[in-house]
Amino acid sequence: MRKGEIIGYHMLNKCELDGLSERCNLSRFVGEYLIVDFRNTVSFPLNLLIEGAKKRKESRMRLLPPYREHLSQAYARFIMRVGLPKDIPQFSVKS
């Protein structure tokens, strides 16, 4: 998983920011590796997320570049996989 070779999962490094637990109410995640599971994604209407972020009084934890782009690229690789059938016949070599 650390090498990014397990399709459908992405590992985030430990977060050790000072004061994270007080600002974001995320003390249980401090110092822990986090695993993103692309197989269990949830979608929300964009307006709902924007309104929720405006109403939230505490800070939000965000990934910084280039980690944000790396996570996005891993998700793109997961959803754009092409599945080939298992019963592809062997190539025959003509002599």
Protein backbone atom coordinates (compact mmCIF):
# COMPACT_ATOMS: atom_id res chain seq x y z
CA MET A 1 0.00 0.00 0.00
CA ARG A 2 2.89 2.37 0.71
CA LYS A 3 4.05 1.97 -2.88
CA GLY A 4 0.57 2.59 -4.30
CA GLU A 5 0.34 -0.87 -5.82
CA ILE A 6 -2.97 -1.94 -4.26
CA ILE A 7 -5.71 -0.80 -6.61
CA GLY A 8 -8.64 0.89 -4.91
CA TYR A 9 -6.77 2.16 -1.86
CA HIS A 10 -4.50 5.13 -1.18
CA MET A 11 -2.41 5.71 1.93
CA LEU A 12 -2.08 9.14 3.50
CA ASN A 13 0.90 9.93 5.68
CA LYS A 14 0.63 10.70 9.38
CA CYS A 15 -0.63 14.17 10.24
CA GLU A 16 1.33 15.73 13.05
CA LEU A 17 0.23 19.38 12.89
CA ASP A 18 0.34 21.32 16.13
CA GLY A 19 -3.10 22.14 17.51
CA LEU A 20 -4.98 20.02 14.98
CA SER A 21 -7.19 18.41 17.58
CA GLU A 22 -8.30 21.78 18.94
CA ARG A 23 -8.91 23.37 15.52
CA CYS A 24 -10.58 20.53 13.61
CA ASN A 25 -11.82 18.12 16.27
CA LEU A 26 -9.69 15.37 14.68
CA SER A 27 -7.55 14.27 17.62
CA ARG A 28 -8.19 10.58 16.92
CA PHE A 29 -6.37 10.87 13.56
CA VAL A 30 -3.24 12.69 14.77
CA GLY A 31 -0.16 10.52 14.31
CA GLU A 32 -2.03 7.80 12.38
CA TYR A 33 -1.72 6.67 8.79
CA LEU A 34 -5.03 7.02 6.97
CA ILE A 35 -6.31 4.78 4.19
CA VAL A 36 -8.62 6.13 1.49
CA ASP A 37 -10.93 3.44 0.10
CA PHE A 38 -11.99 4.35 -3.45
CA ARG A 39 -14.43 1.44 -3.60
CA ASN A 40 -16.70 3.09 -1.05
CA THR A 41 -17.07 6.60 -2.40
CA VAL A 42 -20.01 8.82 -1.54
CA SER A 43 -21.24 11.75 -3.59
CA PHE A 44 -23.00 14.88 -2.36
CA PRO A 45 -24.51 17.81 -4.21
CA LEU A 46 -21.91 20.58 -4.50
CA ASN A 47 -24.25 23.21 -3.04
CA LEU A 48 -24.74 21.08 0.07
CA LEU A 49 -20.97 20.91 0.63
CA ILE A 50 -20.47 24.64 0.04
CA GLU A 51 -23.25 25.57 2.47
CA GLY A 52 -21.96 23.10 5.06
CA ALA A 53 -18.45 24.56 4.82
CA LYS A 54 -19.79 28.10 5.28
CA LYS A 55 -21.77 27.13 8.40
CA ARG A 56 -18.91 25.20 9.99
CA LYS A 57 -17.30 27.14 12.82
CA GLU A 58 -14.13 25.11 13.17
CA SER A 59 -11.30 24.73 10.67
CA ARG A 60 -11.22 22.04 8.01
CA MET A 61 -8.28 19.75 7.41
CA ARG A 62 -7.09 19.81 3.77
CA LEU A 63 -4.38 18.13 1.78
CA LEU A 64 -1.73 20.45 0.40
CA PRO A 65 -0.16 20.19 -3.04
CA PRO A 66 1.42 17.90 -4.25
CA TYR A 67 -0.38 15.41 -1.95
CA ARG A 68 -3.80 16.57 -3.13
CA GLU A 69 -2.82 15.97 -6.77
CA HIS A 70 -1.30 12.58 -5.91
CA LEU A 71 -4.57 11.48 -4.27
CA SER A 72 -6.56 12.76 -7.27
CA GLN A 73 -4.31 10.88 -9.67
CA ALA A 74 -4.68 7.65 -7.69
CA TYR A 75 -8.48 8.01 -7.80
CA ALA A 76 -8.38 8.68 -11.55
CA ARG A 77 -6.29 5.53 -12.09
CA PHE A 78 -8.87 3.57 -10.12
CA ILE A 79 -11.93 4.74 -12.06
CA MET A 80 -10.42 4.61 -15.51
CA ARG A 81 -9.23 1.00 -15.33
CA VAL A 82 -10.08 -1.11 -18.35
CA GLY A 83 -11.22 -4.63 -17.60
CA LEU A 84 -10.26 -7.24 -20.17
CA PRO A 85 -11.83 -10.70 -20.33
CA LYS A 86 -9.84 -13.55 -18.82
CA ASP A 87 -10.45 -15.86 -21.77
CA ILE A 88 -8.28 -14.04 -24.32
CA PRO A 89 -6.77 -16.78 -26.52
CA GLN A 90 -3.00 -17.16 -26.80
CA PHE A 91 -1.32 -15.66 -29.84
CA SER A 92 -0.32 -18.24 -32.40
CA VAL A 93 3.06 -17.98 -34.03
CA LYS A 94 3.14 -18.93 -37.69
CA SER A 95 6.36 -20.38 -38.96
